[in-house]
Amino acid sequence: MKTSELTGAHLSYWVAMAERAAEGTNFRATLPPAEPEIDLVGADGGSVEFAPWRDWAQGGPIIERARIEISPVGEGASSWHAVVDPYSYKHPPGVQPEAGGPSPLIAAMRAYVESKFGPEVGDESAEVFADKKRNG
């Protein structure tokens, strides 16, 4: 999958992998009627949807920590461009950590994922959700 095309739960999944949060927190894929989502499951068994591409409380700290610059493209701000500070993290060789999107958070999270994995990621997130659908 192209990083520049990640959306919704697939973008959440790859941000979670970029955060390496899976090492300290369990991620559980669930299927509400509309689309799959990634849940953060705490030690107490409670869960909260992980959607840093639409929740500033989750995406904002990532933007701040990774020093992601976000700017509108053109007039009307219907498109956004994000660039990850090249000195804030070690990037894969040859990767220009930047991306676009229809919102500031989507652009920033795509750029963040690209800064960790490059312009393409595996289909693991699609497999997680496909397995969930099959196993109900």
C-alpha atoms as a PDB file:
ATOM      1  CA  MET A   1       0.000   0.000   0.000  1.00  0.00           C
ATOM      2  CA  LYS A   2       1.221   3.495  -0.735  1.00  0.00           C
ATOM      3  CA  THR A   3       1.707   5.586   2.375  1.00  0.00           C
ATOM      4  CA  SER A   4       0.184   8.539   0.525  1.00  0.00           C
ATOM      5  CA  GLU A   5      -3.094   6.608   0.154  1.00  0.00           C
ATOM      6  CA  LEU A   6      -3.516   5.360   3.735  1.00  0.00           C
ATOM      7  CA  THR A   7      -6.837   6.334   5.296  1.00  0.00           C
ATOM      8  CA  GLY A   8      -9.032   5.433   8.235  1.00  0.00           C
ATOM      9  CA  ALA A   9      -8.214   2.323  10.205  1.00  0.00           C
ATOM     10  CA  HIS A  10      -5.303   1.444   7.923  1.00  0.00           C
ATOM     11  CA  LEU A  11      -3.696   4.795   8.697  1.00  0.00           C
ATOM     12  CA  SER A  12      -4.361   4.241  12.413  1.00  0.00           C
ATOM     13  CA  TYR A  13      -2.713   0.817  12.204  1.00  0.00           C
ATOM     14  CA  TRP A  14       0.453   2.157  10.588  1.00  0.00           C
ATOM     15  CA  VAL A  15       0.696   5.120  12.951  1.00  0.00           C
ATOM     16  CA  ALA A  16       0.424   2.622  15.810  1.00  0.00           C
ATOM     17  CA  MET A  17       3.214   0.550  14.292  1.00  0.00           C
ATOM     18  CA  ALA A  18       5.307   3.690  13.809  1.00  0.00           C
ATOM     19  CA  GLU A  19       4.764   4.615  17.435  1.00  0.00           C
ATOM     20  CA  ARG A  20       5.834   1.131  18.437  1.00  0.00           C
ATOM     21  CA  ALA A  21       2.982   1.348  20.899  1.00  0.00           C
ATOM     22  CA  ALA A  22       2.179  -2.289  20.250  1.00  0.00           C
ATOM     23  CA  GLU A  23       5.125  -3.213  22.476  1.00  0.00           C
ATOM     24  CA  GLY A  24       3.524  -1.662  25.556  1.00  0.00           C
ATOM     25  CA  THR A  25      -0.140  -1.592  24.633  1.00  0.00           C
ATOM     26  CA  ASN A  26      -2.409  -4.158  23.032  1.00  0.00           C
ATOM     27  CA  PHE A  27      -4.082  -3.194  19.768  1.00  0.00           C
ATOM     28  CA  ARG A  28      -7.289  -4.956  18.897  1.00  0.00           C
ATOM     29  CA  ALA A  29      -8.998  -4.669  15.528  1.00  0.00           C
ATOM     30  CA  THR A  30     -12.764  -4.405  15.747  1.00  0.00           C
ATOM     31  CA  LEU A  31     -15.390  -4.121  13.080  1.00  0.00           C
ATOM     32  CA  PRO A  32     -18.156  -1.648  13.708  1.00  0.00           C
ATOM     33  CA  PRO A  33     -20.814  -1.485  10.986  1.00  0.00           C
ATOM     34  CA  ALA A  34     -19.036   1.235   8.990  1.00  0.00           C
ATOM     35  CA  GLU A  35     -15.334   0.345   8.908  1.00  0.00           C
ATOM     36  CA  PRO A  36     -12.608  -1.404  10.873  1.00  0.00           C
ATOM     37  CA  GLU A  37     -10.880   0.507  13.623  1.00  0.00           C
ATOM     38  CA  ILE A  38      -7.893   0.081  15.899  1.00  0.00           C
ATOM     39  CA  ASP A  39      -8.534   0.110  19.630  1.00  0.00           C
ATOM     40  CA  LEU A  40      -6.039   0.803  22.384  1.00  0.00           C
ATOM     41  CA  VAL A  41      -6.685  -1.748  25.112  1.00  0.00           C
ATOM     42  CA  GLY A  42      -5.504  -0.727  28.551  1.00  0.00           C
ATOM     43  CA  ALA A  43      -4.341  -2.928  31.412  1.00  0.00           C
ATOM     44  CA  ASP A  44      -7.821  -2.666  32.940  1.00  0.00           C
ATOM     45  CA  GLY A  45      -9.357  -4.175  29.785  1.00  0.00           C
ATOM     46  CA  GLY A  46     -11.011  -0.920  28.743  1.00  0.00           C
ATOM     47  CA  SER A  47     -10.472   0.314  25.227  1.00  0.00           C
ATOM     48  CA  VAL A  48     -10.533   3.560  23.300  1.00  0.00           C
ATOM     49  CA  GLU A  49     -10.469   4.003  19.539  1.00  0.00           C
ATOM     50  CA  PHE A  50      -7.032   4.984  18.233  1.00  0.00           C
ATOM     51  CA  ALA A  51      -7.598   7.468  15.402  1.00  0.00           C
ATOM     52  CA  PRO A  52      -4.742  10.010  15.392  1.00  0.00           C
ATOM     53  CA  TRP A  53      -5.704  11.036  11.849  1.00  0.00           C
ATOM     54  CA  ARG A  54      -8.941  12.610  13.164  1.00  0.00           C
ATOM     55  CA  ASP A  55      -8.360  13.120  16.912  1.00  0.00           C
ATOM     56  CA  TRP A  56      -6.083  16.050  17.775  1.00  0.00           C
ATOM     57  CA  ALA A  57      -5.651  14.710  21.319  1.00  0.00           C
ATOM     58  CA  GLN A  58      -3.953  11.628  19.826  1.00  0.00           C
ATOM     59  CA  GLY A  59      -2.333  13.109  16.709  1.00  0.00           C
ATOM     60  CA  GLY A  60      -1.238  16.414  18.248  1.00  0.00           C
ATOM     61  CA  PRO A  61       1.417  14.933  20.561  1.00  0.00           C
ATOM     62  CA  ILE A  62       2.859  12.949  17.638  1.00  0.00           C
ATOM     63  CA  ILE A  63       3.037  16.113  15.534  1.00  0.00           C
ATOM     64  CA  GLU A  64       4.761  17.970  18.351  1.00  0.00           C
ATOM     65  CA  ARG A  65       7.212  15.181  19.180  1.00  0.00           C
ATOM     66  CA  ALA A  66       8.141  14.495  15.533  1.00  0.00           C
ATOM     67  CA  ARG A  67       8.232  18.231  14.802  1.00  0.00           C
ATOM     68  CA  ILE A  68       5.908  17.905  11.827  1.00  0.00           C
ATOM     69  CA  GLU A  69       5.310  21.119   9.900  1.00  0.00           C
ATOM     70  CA  ILE A  70       1.838  21.427   8.362  1.00  0.00           C
ATOM     71  CA  SER A  71       0.730  23.982   5.798  1.00  0.00           C
ATOM     72  CA  PRO A  72      -2.266  24.485   3.518  1.00  0.00           C
ATOM     73  CA  VAL A  73      -1.856  23.968  -0.208  1.00  0.00           C
ATOM     74  CA  GLY A  74      -3.503  26.631  -2.341  1.00  0.00           C
ATOM     75  CA  GLU A  75      -6.437  28.756  -1.323  1.00  0.00           C
ATOM     76  CA  GLY A  76      -9.272  27.434   0.793  1.00  0.00           C
ATOM     77  CA  ALA A  77      -7.179  24.890   2.719  1.00  0.00           C
ATOM     78  CA  SER A  78      -8.895  21.852   1.180  1.00  0.00           C
ATOM     79  CA  SER A  79      -5.508  20.187   0.805  1.00  0.00           C
ATOM     80  CA  TRP A  80      -2.617  20.045   3.267  1.00  0.00           C
ATOM     81  CA  HIS A  81       1.090  19.275   3.150  1.00  0.00           C
ATOM     82  CA  ALA A  82       3.147  17.948   6.055  1.00  0.00           C
ATOM     83  CA  VAL A  83       6.903  17.546   6.485  1.00  0.00           C
ATOM     84  CA  VAL A  84       8.600  15.667   9.321  1.00  0.00           C
ATOM     85  CA  ASP A  85      11.673  17.418  10.711  1.00  0.00           C
ATOM     86  CA  PRO A  86      14.556  15.431   9.215  1.00  0.00           C
ATOM     87  CA  TYR A  87      16.565  15.875  12.404  1.00  0.00           C
ATOM     88  CA  SER A  88      13.895  14.632  14.806  1.00  0.00           C
ATOM     89  CA  TYR A  89      14.085  10.967  13.801  1.00  0.00           C
ATOM     90  CA  LYS A  90      16.289   8.622  11.855  1.00  0.00           C
ATOM     91  CA  HIS A  91      14.552   8.037   8.525  1.00  0.00           C
ATOM     92  CA  PRO A  92      15.033   5.174   6.080  1.00  0.00           C
ATOM     93  CA  PRO A  93      17.723   6.004   3.488  1.00  0.00           C
ATOM     94  CA  GLY A  94      16.481   8.200   0.661  1.00  0.00           C
ATOM     95  CA  VAL A  95      13.153   8.979   2.308  1.00  0.00           C
ATOM     96  CA  GLN A  96      11.869  12.543   2.137  1.00  0.00           C
ATOM     97  CA  PRO A  97       9.439  12.445   5.063  1.00  0.00           C
ATOM     98  CA  GLU A  98       6.521  14.445   3.659  1.00  0.00           C
ATOM     99  CA  ALA A  99       2.959  13.779   2.574  1.00  0.00           C
ATOM    100  CA  GLY A 100      -0.295  15.400   1.628  1.00  0.00           C
ATOM    101  CA  GLY A 101      -3.889  14.917   2.621  1.00  0.00           C
ATOM    102  CA  PRO A 102      -7.354  16.422   2.798  1.00  0.00           C
ATOM    103  CA  SER A 103      -6.862  17.499   6.433  1.00  0.00           C
ATOM    104  CA  PRO A 104      -3.892  18.600   8.546  1.00  0.00           C
ATOM    105  CA  LEU A 105      -4.017  15.452  10.679  1.00  0.00           C
ATOM    106  CA  ILE A 106      -4.209  13.047   7.728  1.00  0.00           C
ATOM    107  CA  ALA A 107      -1.289  14.767   6.007  1.00  0.00           C
ATOM    108  CA  ALA A 108       0.750  14.737   9.230  1.00  0.00           C
ATOM    109  CA  MET A 109       0.056  11.083  10.047  1.00  0.00           C
ATOM    110  CA  ARG A 110       0.877   9.976   6.498  1.00  0.00           C
ATOM    111  CA  ALA A 111       4.152  11.924   6.692  1.00  0.00           C
ATOM    112  CA  TYR A 112       4.910  10.347  10.057  1.00  0.00           C
ATOM    113  CA  VAL A 113       4.309   6.818   8.746  1.00  0.00           C
ATOM    114  CA  GLU A 114       6.436   7.585   5.689  1.00  0.00           C
ATOM    115  CA  SER A 115       9.222   8.871   7.927  1.00  0.00           C
ATOM    116  CA  LYS A 116       9.350   5.446   9.587  1.00  0.00           C
ATOM    117  CA  PHE A 117       8.628   3.013   6.747  1.00  0.00           C
ATOM    118  CA  GLY A 118       9.116   4.833   3.448  1.00  0.00           C
ATOM    119  CA  PRO A 119       6.627   5.462   0.629  1.00  0.00           C
ATOM    120  CA  GLU A 120       5.067   1.985   0.766  1.00  0.00           C
ATOM    121  CA  VAL A 121       3.971  -0.258   3.605  1.00  0.00           C
ATOM    122  CA  GLY A 122       2.924  -3.882   3.704  1.00  0.00           C
ATOM    123  CA  ASP A 123      -0.638  -5.114   3.614  1.00  0.00           C
ATOM    124  CA  GLU A 124      -0.602  -6.246   7.249  1.00  0.00           C
ATOM    125  CA  SER A 125      -3.419  -3.909   8.233  1.00  0.00           C
ATOM    126  CA  ALA A 126      -5.599  -5.222   5.401  1.00  0.00           C
ATOM    127  CA  GLU A 127      -4.871  -8.785   6.578  1.00  0.00           C
ATOM    128  CA  VAL A 128      -5.776  -7.926  10.190  1.00  0.00           C
ATOM    129  CA  PHE A 129      -9.149  -6.574   9.117  1.00  0.00           C
ATOM    130  CA  ALA A 130      -9.803  -9.376   6.590  1.00  0.00           C
ATOM    131  CA  ASP A 131      -9.108 -12.002   9.301  1.00  0.00           C
ATOM    132  CA  LYS A 132     -11.492 -10.209  11.653  1.00  0.00           C
ATOM    133  CA  LYS A 133     -14.242 -10.219   9.037  1.00  0.00           C
ATOM    134  CA  ARG A 134     -13.758 -13.959   8.354  1.00  0.00           C
ATOM    135  CA  ASN A 135     -13.654 -14.888  12.042  1.00  0.00           C
ATOM    136  CA  GLY A 136     -16.467 -12.568  12.963  1.00  0.00           C
END
